[in-house]
PDB file of N, CA and C in Angstrom:
ATOM      1  N   UNK A   1     -53.742  17.458 -23.651  1.00  0.00           N
ATOM      2  CA  UNK A   1     -53.830  17.131 -22.238  1.00  0.00           C
ATOM      3  C   UNK A   1     -52.900  15.961 -21.891  1.00  0.00           C
ATOM      4  N   UNK A   2     -52.882  14.966 -22.748  1.00  0.00           N
ATOM      5  CA  UNK A   2     -52.027  13.811 -22.515  1.00  0.00           C
ATOM      6  C   UNK A   2     -50.557  14.217 -22.452  1.00  0.00           C
ATOM      7  N   UNK A   3     -50.146  15.017 -23.418  1.00  0.00           N
ATOM      8  CA  UNK A   3     -48.734  15.392 -23.495  1.00  0.00           C
ATOM      9  C   UNK A   3     -48.339  16.285 -22.329  1.00  0.00           C
ATOM     10  N   UNK A   4     -49.218  17.105 -21.852  1.00  0.00           N
ATOM     11  CA  UNK A   4     -48.922  17.961 -20.692  1.00  0.00           C
ATOM     12  C   UNK A   4     -48.672  17.094 -19.460  1.00  0.00           C
ATOM     13  N   UNK A   5     -49.521  16.106 -19.252  1.00  0.00           N
ATOM     14  CA  UNK A   5     -49.335  15.192 -18.125  1.00  0.00           C
ATOM     15  C   UNK A   5     -48.086  14.354 -18.276  1.00  0.00           C
ATOM     16  N   UNK A   6     -47.826  13.921 -19.492  1.00  0.00           N
ATOM     17  CA  UNK A   6     -46.628  13.121 -19.753  1.00  0.00           C
ATOM     18  C   UNK A   6     -45.360  13.931 -19.472  1.00  0.00           C
ATOM     19  N   UNK A   7     -45.306  15.139 -19.947  1.00  0.00           N
ATOM     20  CA  UNK A   7     -44.126  15.999 -19.733  1.00  0.00           C
ATOM     21  C   UNK A   7     -43.979  16.347 -18.251  1.00  0.00           C
ATOM     22  N   UNK A   8     -45.087  16.615 -17.575  1.00  0.00           N
ATOM     23  CA  UNK A   8     -45.028  16.913 -16.141  1.00  0.00           C
ATOM     24  C   UNK A   8     -44.519  15.703 -15.353  1.00  0.00           C
ATOM     25  N   UNK A   9     -44.993  14.518 -15.696  1.00  0.00           N
ATOM     26  CA  UNK A   9     -44.543  13.294 -15.014  1.00  0.00           C
ATOM     27  C   UNK A   9     -43.075  13.010 -15.289  1.00  0.00           C
ATOM     28  N   UNK A  10     -42.678  13.175 -16.543  1.00  0.00           N
ATOM     29  CA  UNK A  10     -41.274  12.965 -16.904  1.00  0.00           C
ATOM     30  C   UNK A  10     -40.374  13.965 -16.181  1.00  0.00           C
ATOM     31  N   UNK A  11     -40.785  15.221 -16.132  1.00  0.00           N
ATOM     32  CA  UNK A  11     -40.011  16.245 -15.425  1.00  0.00           C
ATOM     33  C   UNK A  11     -39.894  15.937 -13.939  1.00  0.00           C
ATOM     34  N   UNK A  12     -40.975  15.481 -13.342  1.00  0.00           N
ATOM     35  CA  UNK A  12     -40.953  15.125 -11.912  1.00  0.00           C
ATOM     36  C   UNK A  12     -39.999  13.972 -11.654  1.00  0.00           C
ATOM     37  N   UNK A  13     -40.052  12.958 -12.497  1.00  0.00           N
ATOM     38  CA  UNK A  13     -39.135  11.822 -12.336  1.00  0.00           C
ATOM     39  C   UNK A  13     -37.690  12.256 -12.509  1.00  0.00           C
ATOM     40  N   UNK A  14     -37.448  13.119 -13.470  1.00  0.00           N
ATOM     41  CA  UNK A  14     -36.094  13.612 -13.714  1.00  0.00           C
ATOM     42  C   UNK A  14     -35.575  14.389 -12.505  1.00  0.00           C
ATOM     43  N   UNK A  15     -36.414  15.220 -11.921  1.00  0.00           N
ATOM     44  CA  UNK A  15     -36.017  15.979 -10.722  1.00  0.00           C
ATOM     45  C   UNK A  15     -35.719  15.032  -9.569  1.00  0.00           C
ATOM     46  N   UNK A  16     -36.546  14.014  -9.380  1.00  0.00           N
ATOM     47  CA  UNK A  16     -36.307  13.052  -8.299  1.00  0.00           C
ATOM     48  C   UNK A  16     -35.000  12.295  -8.494  1.00  0.00           C
ATOM     49  N   UNK A  17     -34.701  11.900  -9.716  1.00  0.00           N
ATOM     50  CA  UNK A  17     -33.454  11.181  -9.987  1.00  0.00           C
ATOM     51  C   UNK A  17     -32.254  12.077  -9.729  1.00  0.00           C
ATOM     52  N   UNK A  18     -32.316  13.321 -10.146  1.00  0.00           N
ATOM     53  CA  UNK A  18     -31.202  14.250  -9.925  1.00  0.00           C
ATOM     54  C   UNK A  18     -30.998  14.502  -8.433  1.00  0.00           C
ATOM     55  N   UNK A  19     -32.069  14.720  -7.696  1.00  0.00           N
ATOM     56  CA  UNK A  19     -31.950  14.942  -6.249  1.00  0.00           C
ATOM     57  C   UNK A  19     -31.377  13.719  -5.549  1.00  0.00           C
ATOM     58  N   UNK A  20     -31.825  12.542  -5.926  1.00  0.00           N
ATOM     59  CA  UNK A  20     -31.306  11.316  -5.321  1.00  0.00           C
ATOM     60  C   UNK A  20     -29.817  11.166  -5.613  1.00  0.00           C
ATOM     61  N   UNK A  21     -29.423  11.472  -6.819  1.00  0.00           N
ATOM     62  CA  UNK A  21     -28.003  11.382  -7.189  1.00  0.00           C
ATOM     63  C   UNK A  21     -27.160  12.369  -6.384  1.00  0.00           C
ATOM     64  N   UNK A  22     -27.674  13.574  -6.175  1.00  0.00           N
ATOM     65  CA  UNK A  22     -26.928  14.580  -5.422  1.00  0.00           C
ATOM     66  C   UNK A  22     -26.793  14.197  -3.954  1.00  0.00           C
ATOM     67  N   UNK A  23     -27.833  13.611  -3.375  1.00  0.00           N
ATOM     68  CA  UNK A  23     -27.796  13.267  -1.963  1.00  0.00           C
ATOM     69  C   UNK A  23     -27.168  11.905  -1.693  1.00  0.00           C
ATOM     70  N   UNK A  24     -26.908  11.122  -2.729  1.00  0.00           N
ATOM     71  CA  UNK A  24     -26.281   9.814  -2.547  1.00  0.00           C
ATOM     72  C   UNK A  24     -24.910   9.952  -1.918  1.00  0.00           C
ATOM     73  N   UNK A  25     -24.123  10.918  -2.364  1.00  0.00           N
ATOM     74  CA  UNK A  25     -22.791  11.136  -1.799  1.00  0.00           C
ATOM     75  C   UNK A  25     -22.890  11.492  -0.319  1.00  0.00           C
ATOM     76  N   UNK A  26     -23.873  12.298   0.048  1.00  0.00           N
ATOM     77  CA  UNK A  26     -24.063  12.675   1.449  1.00  0.00           C
ATOM     78  C   UNK A  26     -24.361  11.444   2.307  1.00  0.00           C
ATOM     79  N   UNK A  27     -25.246  10.568   1.827  1.00  0.00           N
ATOM     80  CA  UNK A  27     -25.579   9.363   2.593  1.00  0.00           C
ATOM     81  C   UNK A  27     -24.385   8.425   2.699  1.00  0.00           C
ATOM     82  N   UNK A  28     -23.623   8.303   1.626  1.00  0.00           N
ATOM     83  CA  UNK A  28     -22.448   7.439   1.628  1.00  0.00           C
ATOM     84  C   UNK A  28     -21.419   7.938   2.634  1.00  0.00           C
ATOM     85  N   UNK A  29     -21.201   9.243   2.666  1.00  0.00           N
ATOM     86  CA  UNK A  29     -20.250   9.820   3.618  1.00  0.00           C
ATOM     87  C   UNK A  29     -20.705   9.595   5.054  1.00  0.00           C
ATOM     88  N   UNK A  30     -21.982   9.762   5.327  1.00  0.00           N
ATOM     89  CA  UNK A  30     -22.488   9.548   6.688  1.00  0.00           C
ATOM     90  C   UNK A  30     -22.307   8.102   7.125  1.00  0.00           C
ATOM     91  N   UNK A  31     -22.569   7.159   6.210  1.00  0.00           N
ATOM     92  CA  UNK A  31     -22.394   5.740   6.550  1.00  0.00           C
ATOM     93  C   UNK A  31     -20.928   5.407   6.797  1.00  0.00           C
ATOM     94  N   UNK A  32     -20.047   5.931   5.963  1.00  0.00           N
ATOM     95  CA  UNK A  32     -18.620   5.663   6.126  1.00  0.00           C
ATOM     96  C   UNK A  32     -18.129   6.229   7.453  1.00  0.00           C
ATOM     97  N   UNK A  33     -18.574   7.431   7.808  1.00  0.00           N
ATOM     98  CA  UNK A  33     -18.175   8.034   9.085  1.00  0.00           C
ATOM     99  C   UNK A  33     -18.688   7.203  10.251  1.00  0.00           C
ATOM    100  N   UNK A  34     -19.941   6.771  10.182  1.00  0.00           N
ATOM    101  CA  UNK A  34     -20.513   5.966  11.262  1.00  0.00           C
ATOM    102  C   UNK A  34     -19.787   4.631  11.400  1.00  0.00           C
ATOM    103  N   UNK A  35     -19.448   4.006  10.278  1.00  0.00           N
ATOM    104  CA  UNK A  35     -18.715   2.737  10.342  1.00  0.00           C
ATOM    105  C   UNK A  35     -17.335   2.932  10.947  1.00  0.00           C
ATOM    106  N   UNK A  36     -16.678   4.023  10.608  1.00  0.00           N
ATOM    107  CA  UNK A  36     -15.367   4.286  11.182  1.00  0.00           C
ATOM    108  C   UNK A  36     -15.469   4.573  12.676  1.00  0.00           C
ATOM    109  N   UNK A  37     -16.473   5.342  13.078  1.00  0.00           N
ATOM    110  CA  UNK A  37     -16.658   5.661  14.497  1.00  0.00           C
ATOM    111  C   UNK A  37     -16.878   4.391  15.319  1.00  0.00           C
ATOM    112  N   UNK A  38     -17.518   3.393  14.731  1.00  0.00           N
ATOM    113  CA  UNK A  38     -17.792   2.146  15.447  1.00  0.00           C
ATOM    114  C   UNK A  38     -16.507   1.380  15.753  1.00  0.00           C
ATOM    115  N   UNK A  39     -15.442   1.629  15.002  1.00  0.00           N
ATOM    116  CA  UNK A  39     -14.190   0.912  15.224  1.00  0.00           C
ATOM    117  C   UNK A  39     -13.300   1.573  16.266  1.00  0.00           C
ATOM    118  N   UNK A  40     -13.672   2.753  16.731  1.00  0.00           N
ATOM    119  CA  UNK A  40     -12.803   3.509  17.636  1.00  0.00           C
ATOM    120  C   UNK A  40     -13.066   3.173  19.097  1.00  0.00           C
ATOM    121  N   UNK A  41     -12.005   3.281  19.893  1.00  0.00           N
ATOM    122  CA  UNK A  41     -12.165   3.163  21.341  1.00  0.00           C
ATOM    123  C   UNK A  41     -12.690   4.503  21.865  1.00  0.00           C
ATOM    124  N   UNK A  42     -13.012   4.545  23.145  1.00  0.00           N
ATOM    125  CA  UNK A  42     -13.559   5.777  23.734  1.00  0.00           C
ATOM    126  C   UNK A  42     -12.562   6.932  23.648  1.00  0.00           C
ATOM    127  N   UNK A  43     -11.295   6.670  23.940  1.00  0.00           N
ATOM    128  CA  UNK A  43     -10.284   7.723  23.852  1.00  0.00           C
ATOM    129  C   UNK A  43     -10.093   8.191  22.416  1.00  0.00           C
ATOM    130  N   UNK A  44     -10.105   7.236  21.484  1.00  0.00           N
ATOM    131  CA  UNK A  44      -9.950   7.602  20.076  1.00  0.00           C
ATOM    132  C   UNK A  44     -11.153   8.408  19.579  1.00  0.00           C
ATOM    133  N   UNK A  45     -12.336   8.124  20.105  1.00  0.00           N
ATOM    134  CA  UNK A  45     -13.521   8.903  19.715  1.00  0.00           C
ATOM    135  C   UNK A  45     -13.394  10.351  20.159  1.00  0.00           C
ATOM    136  N   UNK A  46     -12.914  10.554  21.374  1.00  0.00           N
ATOM    137  CA  UNK A  46     -12.722  11.922  21.852  1.00  0.00           C
ATOM    138  C   UNK A  46     -11.699  12.651  20.993  1.00  0.00           C
ATOM    139  N   UNK A  47     -10.614  11.954  20.683  1.00  0.00           N
ATOM    140  CA  UNK A  47      -9.577  12.535  19.832  1.00  0.00           C
ATOM    141  C   UNK A  47     -10.150  12.818  18.439  1.00  0.00           C
ATOM    142  N   UNK A  48     -10.918  11.892  17.910  1.00  0.00           N
ATOM    143  CA  UNK A  48     -11.525  12.054  16.594  1.00  0.00           C
ATOM    144  C   UNK A  48     -12.440  13.276  16.553  1.00  0.00           C
ATOM    145  N   UNK A  49     -13.270  13.433  17.570  1.00  0.00           N
ATOM    146  CA  UNK A  49     -14.206  14.565  17.594  1.00  0.00           C
ATOM    147  C   UNK A  49     -13.469  15.895  17.679  1.00  0.00           C
ATOM    148  N   UNK A  50     -12.394  15.944  18.453  1.00  0.00           N
ATOM    149  CA  UNK A  50     -11.656  17.196  18.551  1.00  0.00           C
ATOM    150  C   UNK A  50     -10.939  17.522  17.236  1.00  0.00           C
ATOM    151  N   UNK A  51     -10.399  16.511  16.579  1.00  0.00           N
ATOM    152  CA  UNK A  51      -9.737  16.747  15.287  1.00  0.00           C
ATOM    153  C   UNK A  51     -10.780  17.089  14.221  1.00  0.00           C
ATOM    154  N   UNK A  52     -11.903  16.427  14.271  1.00  0.00           N
ATOM    155  CA  UNK A  52     -12.946  16.646  13.274  1.00  0.00           C
ATOM    156  C   UNK A  52     -13.498  18.065  13.348  1.00  0.00           C
ATOM    157  N   UNK A  53     -13.536  18.642  14.533  1.00  0.00           N
ATOM    158  CA  UNK A  53     -14.054  20.003  14.658  1.00  0.00           C
ATOM    159  C   UNK A  53     -13.150  21.019  13.956  1.00  0.00           C
ATOM    160  N   UNK A  54     -11.873  20.677  13.770  1.00  0.00           N
ATOM    161  CA  UNK A  54     -10.948  21.576  13.082  1.00  0.00           C
ATOM    162  C   UNK A  54     -10.956  21.372  11.569  1.00  0.00           C
ATOM    163  N   UNK A  55     -11.351  20.203  11.115  1.00  0.00           N
ATOM    164  CA  UNK A  55     -11.347  19.904   9.684  1.00  0.00           C
ATOM    165  C   UNK A  55     -12.412  18.893   9.371  1.00  0.00           C
ATOM    166  N   UNK A  56     -12.284  18.212   8.256  1.00  0.00           N
ATOM    167  CA  UNK A  56     -13.257  17.203   7.850  1.00  0.00           C
ATOM    168  C   UNK A  56     -13.019  15.888   8.567  1.00  0.00           C
ATOM    169  N   UNK A  57     -14.004  14.988   8.486  1.00  0.00           N
ATOM    170  CA  UNK A  57     -13.861  13.711   9.178  1.00  0.00           C
ATOM    171  C   UNK A  57     -12.824  12.839   8.502  1.00  0.00           C
ATOM    172  N   UNK A  58     -12.597  13.017   7.197  1.00  0.00           N
ATOM    173  CA  UNK A  58     -11.581  12.228   6.509  1.00  0.00           C
ATOM    174  C   UNK A  58     -10.189  12.574   7.027  1.00  0.00           C
ATOM    175  N   UNK A  59      -9.952  13.852   7.280  1.00  0.00           N
ATOM    176  CA  UNK A  59      -8.663  14.271   7.832  1.00  0.00           C
ATOM    177  C   UNK A  59      -8.459  13.676   9.223  1.00  0.00           C
ATOM    178  N   UNK A  60      -9.495  13.693  10.027  1.00  0.00           N
ATOM    179  CA  UNK A  60      -9.409  13.115  11.365  1.00  0.00           C
ATOM    180  C   UNK A  60      -9.160  11.616  11.287  1.00  0.00           C
ATOM    181  N   UNK A  61      -9.833  10.948  10.364  1.00  0.00           N
ATOM    182  CA  UNK A  61      -9.630   9.509  10.187  1.00  0.00           C
ATOM    183  C   UNK A  61      -8.191   9.211   9.801  1.00  0.00           C
ATOM    184  N   UNK A  62      -7.653   9.991   8.879  1.00  0.00           N
ATOM    185  CA  UNK A  62      -6.266   9.782   8.454  1.00  0.00           C
ATOM    186  C   UNK A  62      -5.294   9.977   9.606  1.00  0.00           C
ATOM    187  N   UNK A  63      -5.505  10.999  10.416  1.00  0.00           N
ATOM    188  CA  UNK A  63      -4.606  11.262  11.538  1.00  0.00           C
ATOM    189  C   UNK A  63      -4.667  10.140  12.561  1.00  0.00           C
ATOM    190  N   UNK A  64      -5.851   9.632  12.843  1.00  0.00           N
ATOM    191  CA  UNK A  64      -5.983   8.544  13.814  1.00  0.00           C
ATOM    192  C   UNK A  64      -5.364   7.264  13.261  1.00  0.00           C
ATOM    193  N   UNK A  65      -5.552   6.993  11.970  1.00  0.00           N
ATOM    194  CA  UNK A  65      -4.941   5.798  11.388  1.00  0.00           C
ATOM    195  C   UNK A  65      -3.420   5.898  11.380  1.00  0.00           C
ATOM    196  N   UNK A  66      -2.880   7.072  11.159  1.00  0.00           N
ATOM    197  CA  UNK A  66      -1.432   7.268  11.226  1.00  0.00           C
ATOM    198  C   UNK A  66      -0.942   7.003  12.643  1.00  0.00           C
ATOM    199  N   UNK A  67      -1.683   7.491  13.617  1.00  0.00           N
ATOM    200  CA  UNK A  67      -1.309   7.268  15.020  1.00  0.00           C
ATOM    201  C   UNK A  67      -1.376   5.780  15.368  1.00  0.00           C
ATOM    202  N   UNK A  68      -2.381   5.077  14.888  1.00  0.00           N
ATOM    203  CA  UNK A  68      -2.486   3.632  15.131  1.00  0.00           C
ATOM    204  C   UNK A  68      -1.291   2.897  14.524  1.00  0.00           C
ATOM    205  N   UNK A  69      -0.920   3.259  13.292  1.00  0.00           N
ATOM    206  CA  UNK A  69       0.219   2.619  12.633  1.00  0.00           C
ATOM    207  C   UNK A  69       1.513   2.876  13.401  1.00  0.00           C
ATOM    208  N   UNK A  70       1.673   4.097  13.897  1.00  0.00           N
ATOM    209  CA  UNK A  70       2.871   4.443  14.657  1.00  0.00           C
ATOM    210  C   UNK A  70       2.947   3.615  15.942  1.00  0.00           C
ATOM    211  N   UNK A  71       1.825   3.479  16.631  1.00  0.00           N
ATOM    212  CA  UNK A  71       1.810   2.680  17.855  1.00  0.00           C
ATOM    213  C   UNK A  71       2.069   1.219  17.566  1.00  0.00           C
ATOM    214  N   UNK A  72       1.562   0.719  16.463  1.00  0.00           N
ATOM    215  CA  UNK A  72       1.799  -0.681  16.085  1.00  0.00           C
ATOM    216  C   UNK A  72       3.264  -0.913  15.794  1.00  0.00           C
ATOM    217  N   UNK A  73       3.915   0.010  15.110  1.00  0.00           N
ATOM    218  CA  UNK A  73       5.324  -0.118  14.795  1.00  0.00           C
ATOM    219  C   UNK A  73       6.187  -0.041  16.048  1.00  0.00           C
ATOM    220  N   UNK A  74       5.823   0.810  16.991  1.00  0.00           N
ATOM    221  CA  UNK A  74       6.562   0.894  18.249  1.00  0.00           C
ATOM    222  C   UNK A  74       6.443  -0.400  19.029  1.00  0.00           C
ATOM    223  N   UNK A  75       5.285  -1.025  18.998  1.00  0.00           N
ATOM    224  CA  UNK A  75       5.073  -2.269  19.723  1.00  0.00           C
ATOM    225  C   UNK A  75       5.888  -3.425  19.090  1.00  0.00           C
ATOM    226  N   UNK A  76       6.138  -3.344  17.805  1.00  0.00           N
ATOM    227  CA  UNK A  76       6.889  -4.397  17.115  1.00  0.00           C
ATOM    228  C   UNK A  76       8.393  -4.278  17.313  1.00  0.00           C
ATOM    229  N   UNK A  77       8.868  -3.107  17.659  1.00  0.00           N
ATOM    230  CA  UNK A  77      10.308  -2.906  17.811  1.00  0.00           C
ATOM    231  C   UNK A  77      10.863  -3.755  18.959  1.00  0.00           C
ATOM    232  N   UNK A  78      11.964  -4.395  18.721  1.00  0.00           N
ATOM    233  CA  UNK A  78      12.542  -5.211  19.813  1.00  0.00           C
ATOM    234  C   UNK A  78      13.197  -4.328  20.863  1.00  0.00           C
ATOM    235  N   UNK A  79      13.072  -4.747  22.079  1.00  0.00           N
ATOM    236  CA  UNK A  79      13.792  -4.228  23.167  1.00  0.00           C
ATOM    237  C   UNK A  79      13.608  -2.983  23.771  1.00  0.00           C
TER     238      UNK A  79
END
């Protein structure tokens, strides 16, 4: 009886650890997306959502960051 309970408890803990490990990446991605969304202006959010609907949020983030860099470089150019 003891060993049955011990094995059942160990198996339950093992399942919980595996599930937590699998969902950790999902939670991390959601937090990263939310943090990035907080840095965007209203126009950039609309652009982000439209790009995100075509692909992943990482692709949309990269495209918006490229656009920001391009605008920054244009602003630095003399004359």
